[in-house]
Protein backbone atom coordinates (compact mmCIF):
# COMPACT_ATOMS: atom_id res chain seq x y z
CA MET A 1 15.43 -12.12 28.65
CA ILE A 2 14.37 -8.84 27.32
CA THR A 3 16.17 -5.79 28.87
CA GLN A 4 14.87 -2.32 28.19
CA PRO A 5 16.93 0.62 27.54
CA ALA A 6 18.07 2.94 29.96
CA LEU A 7 18.09 6.91 29.55
CA ALA A 8 20.39 8.60 31.48
CA ALA A 9 22.90 11.77 31.67
CA ASP A 10 26.59 11.16 31.63
CA ALA A 11 29.24 13.31 33.39
CA ASN A 12 28.67 16.27 31.08
CA GLY A 13 24.82 16.43 31.39
CA ASN A 14 24.33 14.98 28.06
CA ILE A 15 21.34 12.36 27.93
CA ARG A 16 22.31 9.03 26.45
CA LEU A 17 20.45 6.02 25.58
CA ILE A 18 22.28 2.93 26.98
CA SER A 19 21.21 -0.61 26.11
CA PRO A 20 22.69 -4.00 26.01
CA ALA A 21 22.78 -6.22 22.86
CA SER A 22 24.06 -9.86 22.01
CA GLY A 23 24.30 -12.17 18.92
CA ALA A 24 21.99 -14.73 17.91
CA ALA A 25 21.44 -17.96 19.62
CA ALA A 26 24.01 -20.38 18.22
CA VAL A 27 21.70 -23.52 18.41
CA GLY A 28 18.28 -24.44 19.49
CA PHE A 29 15.65 -22.15 20.86
CA GLN A 30 17.80 -20.26 23.29
CA ALA A 31 17.15 -16.46 23.52
CA GLY A 32 20.64 -15.24 23.06
CA PHE A 33 21.37 -13.26 26.31
CA PRO A 34 21.84 -16.24 28.55
CA THR A 35 24.43 -17.91 26.79
CA ASN A 36 26.16 -15.70 24.42
CA PRO A 37 28.33 -12.79 24.92
CA GLY A 38 27.12 -9.40 24.18
CA PHE A 39 28.13 -5.90 24.49
CA MET A 40 26.63 -2.17 25.60
CA PHE A 41 26.04 0.69 23.28
CA ALA A 42 25.05 4.22 23.97
CA LEU A 43 23.25 6.54 21.56
CA ALA A 44 23.27 10.31 22.04
CA LEU A 45 22.41 13.40 19.87
CA PRO A 46 25.34 15.54 18.39
CA PRO A 47 26.00 18.93 20.20
CA ALA A 48 23.93 21.83 18.74
CA ALA A 49 25.57 24.07 16.50
CA PRO A 50 26.20 27.50 17.89
CA ALA A 51 23.49 30.04 16.67
CA GLN A 52 24.85 32.53 14.50
CA THR A 53 22.99 35.96 13.98
CA THR A 54 23.49 38.48 11.44
CA THR A 55 21.84 41.60 11.27
CA ALA A 56 21.64 44.03 8.37
CA VAL A 57 19.99 47.32 8.21
CA SER A 58 19.22 49.24 5.06
CA VAL A 59 16.92 52.41 5.02
CA SER A 60 15.41 53.76 2.16
CA VAL A 61 12.71 56.65 1.86
CA SER A 62 10.44 56.88 -1.10
CA VAL A 63 7.05 58.75 -1.12
CA SER A 64 4.60 57.75 -3.67
CA VAL A 65 0.67 57.88 -3.86
CA SER A 66 -1.28 56.15 -6.24
CA THR A 67 -4.72 54.55 -6.28
CA SER A 68 -5.77 51.78 -8.35
CA VAL A 69 -9.23 49.94 -7.80
CA THR A 70 -9.82 46.52 -9.69
CA THR A 71 -12.43 44.20 -9.40
CA GLN A 72 -12.44 40.48 -10.98
CA THR A 73 -14.66 37.55 -10.54
CA VAL A 74 -13.25 34.34 -11.30
CA ALA A 75 -15.41 31.13 -11.52
CA GLY A 76 -13.85 27.76 -11.66
CA PRO A 77 -13.12 24.78 -9.75
CA SER A 78 -11.59 25.01 -6.45
CA ALA A 79 -8.00 23.97 -5.69
CA PRO A 80 -7.22 20.42 -5.12
CA SER A 81 -6.95 19.89 -1.06
CA GLY A 82 -3.93 17.26 -1.40
CA GLY A 83 -4.20 13.75 -0.73
CA ILE A 84 -5.89 10.96 -2.53
CA ASP A 85 -9.68 11.01 -3.23
CA PRO A 86 -11.58 9.10 -0.63
CA CYS A 87 -13.49 7.05 -3.40
CA THR A 88 -10.30 6.02 -4.74
CA PHE A 89 -8.87 5.00 -1.20
CA TYR A 90 -11.90 3.17 -0.16
CA ALA A 91 -12.19 1.48 -3.68
CA THR A 92 -8.51 -0.03 -3.35
CA ALA A 93 -8.98 -0.85 0.24
CA GLY A 94 -11.87 -2.92 -0.66
CA VAL A 95 -10.19 -4.79 -3.43
CA ALA A 96 -7.34 -5.51 -0.89
CA VAL A 97 -9.40 -6.93 1.70
CA ILE A 98 -11.39 -9.20 -0.90
CA LEU A 99 -8.00 -10.32 -2.30
CA ALA A 100 -6.89 -11.38 1.10
CA LEU A 101 -9.92 -13.14 1.87
CA ALA A 102 -10.07 -15.05 -1.45
CA THR A 103 -6.22 -16.05 -0.90
CA GLY A 104 -7.11 -17.28 2.79
CA VAL A 105 -9.99 -19.40 1.32
CA LEU A 106 -7.92 -20.85 -1.24
CA ALA A 107 -5.18 -21.58 1.18
CA VAL A 108 -7.34 -23.68 3.16
CA ARG A 109 -8.96 -25.41 0.42
CA ARG A 110 -5.74 -26.51 -1.17
CA ARG A 111 -4.38 -27.80 2.35
CA LYS A 112 -4.36 -31.76 2.28
CA PRO A 113 -6.15 -33.51 5.23
CA ALA A 114 -4.05 -34.85 8.11
CA SER A 115 -3.88 -38.54 7.47
């Protein structure tokens, strides 16, 4: 028997996830719930920490006028975009698929026929 968890608010208005649980079946192919005792558990998030606000004001006045123009052209490779190269990914995935197929073929060939 599979019982879904329940989401509900407690008396204080906090949301809780409540679910039953039990130990594994002792013998045979029993599912665990019908024959073994169990327990209920509830999960919840901790209360949020109060927000602290700090304000600092600093005023400084300075007047300075300066003009500078610089032009620079840089040629070179662009920055990497992150992640792995698609060619490397597809090559690795291809090798993994071939390995899985070869393992399956060898496993079927080595199986002894039923007598």
